Amino acid sequence: METKISNSSVCQININDVEVSEVTKSIYDYSNREDEITALVESIGSIGQKQPIIVIENDKKYLVLDGVLRG
């Protein structure tokens, strides 16, 4: 499923193809976000993901640009 939106496209991709870059992992502080992450997991589980993550394709993988907590 792919929908063109201006210069962007919306599509479903396999979660196994999504990665968080090492740079993002090194600068993003997850330690104090456990409650927020838990709430996101519960919300996505019950009503689905309302806002998609933003990714860029890189060597047949997709790096997360926005939505690290949701990815």
PDB file of N, CA and C in Angstrom:
ATOM      1  N   MET A   1       0.851  -1.178   0.000  1.00  0.00           N
ATOM      2  CA  MET A   1       0.000   0.000   0.000  1.00  0.00           C
ATOM      3  C   MET A   1       0.888   1.230   0.000  1.00  0.00           C
ATOM      4  N   GLU A   2       0.745   2.066  -0.998  1.00  0.00           N
ATOM      5  CA  GLU A   2       1.541   3.281  -1.071  1.00  0.00           C
ATOM      6  C   GLU A   2       0.667   4.405  -1.578  1.00  0.00           C
ATOM      7  N   THR A   3       0.730   5.545  -0.914  1.00  0.00           N
ATOM      8  CA  THR A   3      -0.040   6.722  -1.289  1.00  0.00           C
ATOM      9  C   THR A   3       0.920   7.884  -1.432  1.00  0.00           C
ATOM     10  N   LYS A   4       0.901   8.541  -2.570  1.00  0.00           N
ATOM     11  CA  LYS A   4       1.771   9.691  -2.793  1.00  0.00           C
ATOM     12  C   LYS A   4       1.170  10.939  -2.154  1.00  0.00           C
ATOM     13  N   ILE A   5       1.999  11.651  -1.409  1.00  0.00           N
ATOM     14  CA  ILE A   5       1.608  12.922  -0.810  1.00  0.00           C
ATOM     15  C   ILE A   5       2.727  13.895  -1.135  1.00  0.00           C
ATOM     16  N   SER A   6       2.522  14.773  -2.066  1.00  0.00           N
ATOM     17  CA  SER A   6       3.528  15.685  -2.598  1.00  0.00           C
ATOM     18  C   SER A   6       4.804  14.901  -2.924  1.00  0.00           C
ATOM     19  N   ASN A   7       5.923  15.228  -2.286  1.00  0.00           N
ATOM     20  CA  ASN A   7       7.183  14.525  -2.546  1.00  0.00           C
ATOM     21  C   ASN A   7       7.397  13.370  -1.582  1.00  0.00           C
ATOM     22  N   SER A   8       6.390  13.019  -0.832  1.00  0.00           N
ATOM     23  CA  SER A   8       6.484  11.963   0.165  1.00  0.00           C
ATOM     24  C   SER A   8       5.581  10.805  -0.226  1.00  0.00           C
ATOM     25  N   SER A   9       5.763   9.693   0.443  1.00  0.00           N
ATOM     26  CA  SER A   9       4.830   8.594   0.255  1.00  0.00           C
ATOM     27  C   SER A   9       4.545   7.953   1.601  1.00  0.00           C
ATOM     28  N   VAL A  10       3.355   7.423   1.725  1.00  0.00           N
ATOM     29  CA  VAL A  10       2.946   6.726   2.926  1.00  0.00           C
ATOM     30  C   VAL A  10       2.808   5.265   2.549  1.00  0.00           C
ATOM     31  N   CYS A  11       3.460   4.401   3.294  1.00  0.00           N
ATOM     32  CA  CYS A  11       3.364   2.979   2.995  1.00  0.00           C
ATOM     33  C   CYS A  11       3.559   2.178   4.271  1.00  0.00           C
ATOM     34  N   GLN A  12       3.116   0.946   4.216  1.00  0.00           N
ATOM     35  CA  GLN A  12       3.337   0.037   5.334  1.00  0.00           C
ATOM     36  C   GLN A  12       4.623  -0.719   5.060  1.00  0.00           C
ATOM     37  N   ILE A  13       5.465  -0.810   6.078  1.00  0.00           N
ATOM     38  CA  ILE A  13       6.707  -1.563   5.957  1.00  0.00           C
ATOM     39  C   ILE A  13       6.807  -2.534   7.120  1.00  0.00           C
ATOM     40  N   ASN A  14       7.576  -3.558   6.934  1.00  0.00           N
ATOM     41  CA  ASN A  14       7.771  -4.565   7.972  1.00  0.00           C
ATOM     42  C   ASN A  14       8.560  -3.957   9.128  1.00  0.00           C
ATOM     43  N   ILE A  15       8.099  -4.136  10.344  1.00  0.00           N
ATOM     44  CA  ILE A  15       8.773  -3.568  11.514  1.00  0.00           C
ATOM     45  C   ILE A  15      10.196  -4.090  11.651  1.00  0.00           C
ATOM     46  N   ASN A  16      10.458  -5.278  11.112  1.00  0.00           N
ATOM     47  CA  ASN A  16      11.811  -5.828  11.166  1.00  0.00           C
ATOM     48  C   ASN A  16      12.789  -5.062  10.286  1.00  0.00           C
ATOM     49  N   ASP A  17      12.266  -4.234   9.374  1.00  0.00           N
ATOM     50  CA  ASP A  17      13.112  -3.432   8.495  1.00  0.00           C
ATOM     51  C   ASP A  17      13.361  -2.031   9.041  1.00  0.00           C
ATOM     52  N   VAL A  18      12.802  -1.733  10.207  1.00  0.00           N
ATOM     53  CA  VAL A  18      12.950  -0.407  10.822  1.00  0.00           C
ATOM     54  C   VAL A  18      14.055  -0.453  11.867  1.00  0.00           C
ATOM     55  N   GLU A  19      14.944   0.547  11.802  1.00  0.00           N
ATOM     56  CA  GLU A  19      16.051   0.620  12.756  1.00  0.00           C
ATOM     57  C   GLU A  19      16.150   2.026  13.332  1.00  0.00           C
ATOM     58  N   VAL A  20      16.661   2.102  14.541  1.00  0.00           N
ATOM     59  CA  VAL A  20      17.020   3.372  15.152  1.00  0.00           C
ATOM     60  C   VAL A  20      18.530   3.473  15.015  1.00  0.00           C
ATOM     61  N   SER A  21      19.012   4.581  14.459  1.00  0.00           N
ATOM     62  CA  SER A  21      20.442   4.715  14.213  1.00  0.00           C
ATOM     63  C   SER A  21      21.229   4.728  15.523  1.00  0.00           C
ATOM     64  N   GLU A  22      22.464   4.344  15.437  1.00  0.00           N
ATOM     65  CA  GLU A  22      23.344   4.359  16.606  1.00  0.00           C
ATOM     66  C   GLU A  22      23.516   5.781  17.134  1.00  0.00           C
ATOM     67  N   VAL A  23      23.525   6.747  16.238  1.00  0.00           N
ATOM     68  CA  VAL A  23      23.638   8.153  16.657  1.00  0.00           C
ATOM     69  C   VAL A  23      22.431   8.541  17.500  1.00  0.00           C
ATOM     70  N   THR A  24      21.233   8.179  17.033  1.00  0.00           N
ATOM     71  CA  THR A  24      20.019   8.490  17.793  1.00  0.00           C
ATOM     72  C   THR A  24      20.041   7.799  19.138  1.00  0.00           C
ATOM     73  N   LYS A  25      20.432   6.530  19.161  1.00  0.00           N
ATOM     74  CA  LYS A  25      20.511   5.795  20.420  1.00  0.00           C
ATOM     75  C   LYS A  25      21.481   6.460  21.392  1.00  0.00           C
ATOM     76  N   SER A  26      22.567   7.019  20.875  1.00  0.00           N
ATOM     77  CA  SER A  26      23.576   7.607  21.758  1.00  0.00           C
ATOM     78  C   SER A  26      23.167   8.973  22.304  1.00  0.00           C
ATOM     79  N   ILE A  27      22.296   9.697  21.584  1.00  0.00           N
ATOM     80  CA  ILE A  27      21.934  11.042  22.058  1.00  0.00           C
ATOM     81  C   ILE A  27      20.544  11.116  22.687  1.00  0.00           C
ATOM     82  N   TYR A  28      19.718  10.097  22.491  1.00  0.00           N
ATOM     83  CA  TYR A  28      18.352  10.135  23.005  1.00  0.00           C
ATOM     84  C   TYR A  28      18.307   9.491  24.381  1.00  0.00           C
ATOM     85  N   ASP A  29      17.774  10.185  25.356  1.00  0.00           N
ATOM     86  CA  ASP A  29      17.721   9.701  26.736  1.00  0.00           C
ATOM     87  C   ASP A  29      16.403   8.963  26.983  1.00  0.00           C
ATOM     88  N   TYR A  30      16.480   7.640  27.041  1.00  0.00           N
ATOM     89  CA  TYR A  30      15.302   6.816  27.290  1.00  0.00           C
ATOM     90  C   TYR A  30      15.074   6.572  28.784  1.00  0.00           C
ATOM     91  N   SER A  31      16.059   6.869  29.607  1.00  0.00           N
ATOM     92  CA  SER A  31      16.037   6.451  31.013  1.00  0.00           C
ATOM     93  C   SER A  31      14.871   7.020  31.817  1.00  0.00           C
ATOM     94  N   ASN A  32      14.427   8.200  31.495  1.00  0.00           N
ATOM     95  CA  ASN A  32      13.343   8.803  32.274  1.00  0.00           C
ATOM     96  C   ASN A  32      12.020   8.808  31.509  1.00  0.00           C
ATOM     97  N   ARG A  33      11.876   7.941  30.488  1.00  0.00           N
ATOM     98  CA  ARG A  33      10.687   7.941  29.647  1.00  0.00           C
ATOM     99  C   ARG A  33       9.880   6.650  29.759  1.00  0.00           C
ATOM    100  N   GLU A  34      10.171   5.805  30.750  1.00  0.00           N
ATOM    101  CA  GLU A  34       9.503   4.510  30.855  1.00  0.00           C
ATOM    102  C   GLU A  34       7.984   4.630  30.922  1.00  0.00           C
ATOM    103  N   ASP A  35       7.479   5.555  31.716  1.00  0.00           N
ATOM    104  CA  ASP A  35       6.022   5.734  31.852  1.00  0.00           C
ATOM    105  C   ASP A  35       5.401   6.167  30.523  1.00  0.00           C
ATOM    106  N   GLU A  36       6.066   7.069  29.826  1.00  0.00           N
ATOM    107  CA  GLU A  36       5.573   7.546  28.532  1.00  0.00           C
ATOM    108  C   GLU A  36       5.575   6.414  27.496  1.00  0.00           C
ATOM    109  N   ILE A  37       6.631   5.615  27.494  1.00  0.00           N
ATOM    110  CA  ILE A  37       6.726   4.489  26.564  1.00  0.00           C
ATOM    111  C   ILE A  37       5.639   3.462  26.872  1.00  0.00           C
ATOM    112  N   THR A  38       5.422   3.165  28.138  1.00  0.00           N
ATOM    113  CA  THR A  38       4.378   2.225  28.540  1.00  0.00           C
ATOM    114  C   THR A  38       3.005   2.718  28.091  1.00  0.00           C
ATOM    115  N   ALA A  39       2.743   3.997  28.272  1.00  0.00           N
ATOM    116  CA  ALA A  39       1.458   4.578  27.853  1.00  0.00           C
ATOM    117  C   ALA A  39       1.294   4.481  26.336  1.00  0.00           C
ATOM    118  N   LEU A  40       2.365   4.724  25.585  1.00  0.00           N
ATOM    119  CA  LEU A  40       2.305   4.604  24.124  1.00  0.00           C
ATOM    120  C   LEU A  40       2.010   3.166  23.695  1.00  0.00           C
ATOM    121  N   VAL A  41       2.679   2.205  24.319  1.00  0.00           N
ATOM    122  CA  VAL A  41       2.463   0.786  23.999  1.00  0.00           C
ATOM    123  C   VAL A  41       1.007   0.414  24.244  1.00  0.00           C
ATOM    124  N   GLU A  42       0.466   0.832  25.373  1.00  0.00           N
ATOM    125  CA  GLU A  42      -0.924   0.517  25.695  1.00  0.00           C
ATOM    126  C   GLU A  42      -1.890   1.187  24.714  1.00  0.00           C
ATOM    127  N   SER A  43      -1.635   2.439  24.385  1.00  0.00           N
ATOM    128  CA  SER A  43      -2.497   3.170  23.463  1.00  0.00           C
ATOM    129  C   SER A  43      -2.458   2.552  22.069  1.00  0.00           C
ATOM    130  N   ILE A  44      -1.268   2.262  21.566  1.00  0.00           N
ATOM    131  CA  ILE A  44      -1.141   1.661  20.237  1.00  0.00           C
ATOM    132  C   ILE A  44      -1.803   0.289  20.223  1.00  0.00           C
ATOM    133  N   GLY A  45      -1.666  -0.457  21.319  1.00  0.00           N
ATOM    134  CA  GLY A  45      -2.297  -1.769  21.401  1.00  0.00           C
ATOM    135  C   GLY A  45      -3.806  -1.710  21.389  1.00  0.00           C
ATOM    136  N   SER A  46      -4.383  -0.671  21.982  1.00  0.00           N
ATOM    137  CA  SER A  46      -5.838  -0.614  22.072  1.00  0.00           C
ATOM    138  C   SER A  46      -6.506   0.149  20.931  1.00  0.00           C
ATOM    139  N   ILE A  47      -5.905   1.239  20.449  1.00  0.00           N
ATOM    140  CA  ILE A  47      -6.555   2.027  19.391  1.00  0.00           C
ATOM    141  C   ILE A  47      -5.729   2.151  18.116  1.00  0.00           C
ATOM    142  N   GLY A  48      -4.551   1.584  18.096  1.00  0.00           N
ATOM    143  CA  GLY A  48      -3.694   1.673  16.915  1.00  0.00           C
ATOM    144  C   GLY A  48      -2.787   2.886  16.972  1.00  0.00           C
ATOM    145  N   GLN A  49      -1.914   2.944  16.003  1.00  0.00           N
ATOM    146  CA  GLN A  49      -0.945   4.044  15.942  1.00  0.00           C
ATOM    147  C   GLN A  49      -1.559   5.175  15.138  1.00  0.00           C
ATOM    148  N   LYS A  50      -1.916   6.273  15.797  1.00  0.00           N
ATOM    149  CA  LYS A  50      -2.603   7.393  15.158  1.00  0.00           C
ATOM    150  C   LYS A  50      -1.664   8.261  14.331  1.00  0.00           C
ATOM    151  N   GLN A  51      -0.416   8.346  14.731  1.00  0.00           N
ATOM    152  CA  GLN A  51       0.558   9.174  14.027  1.00  0.00           C
ATOM    153  C   GLN A  51       1.707   8.275  13.577  1.00  0.00           C
ATOM    154  N   PRO A  52       1.951   8.186  12.274  1.00  0.00           N
ATOM    155  CA  PRO A  52       3.002   7.274  11.800  1.00  0.00           C
ATOM    156  C   PRO A  52       4.393   7.777  12.147  1.00  0.00           C
ATOM    157  N   ILE A  53       5.326   6.836  12.193  1.00  0.00           N
ATOM    158  CA  ILE A  53       6.716   7.237  12.353  1.00  0.00           C
ATOM    159  C   ILE A  53       7.217   7.716  10.995  1.00  0.00           C
ATOM    160  N   ILE A  54       8.228   8.557  11.008  1.00  0.00           N
ATOM    161  CA  ILE A  54       8.830   9.073   9.780  1.00  0.00           C
ATOM    162  C   ILE A  54      10.178   8.374   9.619  1.00  0.00           C
ATOM    163  N   VAL A  55      10.378   7.758   8.463  1.00  0.00           N
ATOM    164  CA  VAL A  55      11.605   7.008   8.214  1.00  0.00           C
ATOM    165  C   VAL A  55      12.225   7.436   6.891  1.00  0.00           C
ATOM    166  N   ILE A  56      13.480   7.067   6.717  1.00  0.00           N
ATOM    167  CA  ILE A  56      14.178   7.259   5.457  1.00  0.00           C
ATOM    168  C   ILE A  56      14.804   5.924   5.085  1.00  0.00           C
ATOM    169  N   GLU A  57      14.686   5.562   3.817  1.00  0.00           N
ATOM    170  CA  GLU A  57      15.239   4.286   3.369  1.00  0.00           C
ATOM    171  C   GLU A  57      16.752   4.382   3.281  1.00  0.00           C
ATOM    172  N   ASN A  58      17.425   3.355   3.789  1.00  0.00           N
ATOM    173  CA  ASN A  58      18.880   3.313   3.805  1.00  0.00           C
ATOM    174  C   ASN A  58      19.330   1.862   3.659  1.00  0.00           C
ATOM    175  N   ASP A  59      19.825   1.478   2.491  1.00  0.00           N
ATOM    176  CA  ASP A  59      20.317   0.122   2.244  1.00  0.00           C
ATOM    177  C   ASP A  59      19.296  -0.957   2.614  1.00  0.00           C
ATOM    178  N   LYS A  60      18.093  -0.860   2.070  1.00  0.00           N
ATOM    179  CA  LYS A  60      17.010  -1.828   2.280  1.00  0.00           C
ATOM    180  C   LYS A  60      16.512  -1.887   3.720  1.00  0.00           C
ATOM    181  N   LYS A  61      16.912  -0.937   4.551  1.00  0.00           N
ATOM    182  CA  LYS A  61      16.401  -0.766   5.903  1.00  0.00           C
ATOM    183  C   LYS A  61      15.795   0.626   5.964  1.00  0.00           C
ATOM    184  N   TYR A  62      15.077   0.911   7.042  1.00  0.00           N
ATOM    185  CA  TYR A  62      14.464   2.220   7.229  1.00  0.00           C
ATOM    186  C   TYR A  62      14.917   2.784   8.562  1.00  0.00           C
ATOM    187  N   LEU A  63      15.565   3.951   8.527  1.00  0.00           N
ATOM    188  CA  LEU A  63      16.015   4.612   9.755  1.00  0.00           C
ATOM    189  C   LEU A  63      14.936   5.571  10.226  1.00  0.00           C
ATOM    190  N   VAL A  64      14.653   5.533  11.523  1.00  0.00           N
ATOM    191  CA  VAL A  64      13.626   6.396  12.106  1.00  0.00           C
ATOM    192  C   VAL A  64      14.161   7.821  12.221  1.00  0.00           C
ATOM    193  N   LEU A  65      13.417   8.754  11.630  1.00  0.00           N
ATOM    194  CA  LEU A  65      13.747  10.172  11.763  1.00  0.00           C
ATOM    195  C   LEU A  65      12.896  10.849  12.826  1.00  0.00           C
ATOM    196  N   ASP A  66      11.634  10.424  12.914  1.00  0.00           N
ATOM    197  CA  ASP A  66      10.715  10.990  13.908  1.00  0.00           C
ATOM    198  C   ASP A  66       9.784   9.875  14.391  1.00  0.00           C
ATOM    199  N   GLY A  67       9.647   9.782  15.699  1.00  0.00           N
ATOM    200  CA  GLY A  67       8.769   8.767  16.258  1.00  0.00           C
ATOM    201  C   GLY A  67       9.539   7.630  16.937  1.00  0.00           C
ATOM    202  N   VAL A  68      10.706   7.953  17.449  1.00  0.00           N
ATOM    203  CA  VAL A  68      11.570   6.938  18.063  1.00  0.00           C
ATOM    204  C   VAL A  68      10.849   6.168  19.161  1.00  0.00           C
ATOM    205  N   LEU A  69      10.062   6.842  19.976  1.00  0.00           N
ATOM    206  CA  LEU A  69       9.360   6.152  21.061  1.00  0.00           C
ATOM    207  C   LEU A  69       8.275   5.222  20.532  1.00  0.00           C
ATOM    208  N   ARG A  70       7.708   5.547  19.358  1.00  0.00           N
ATOM    209  CA  ARG A  70       6.662   4.718  18.764  1.00  0.00           C
ATOM    210  C   ARG A  70       7.224   3.565  17.953  1.00  0.00           C
ATOM    211  N   GLY A  71       8.485   3.661  17.525  1.00  0.00           N
ATOM    212  CA  GLY A  71       9.066   2.669  16.629  1.00  0.00           C
ATOM    213  C   GLY A  71       9.584   1.432  17.281  1.00  0.00           C
TER     214      GLY A  71
END
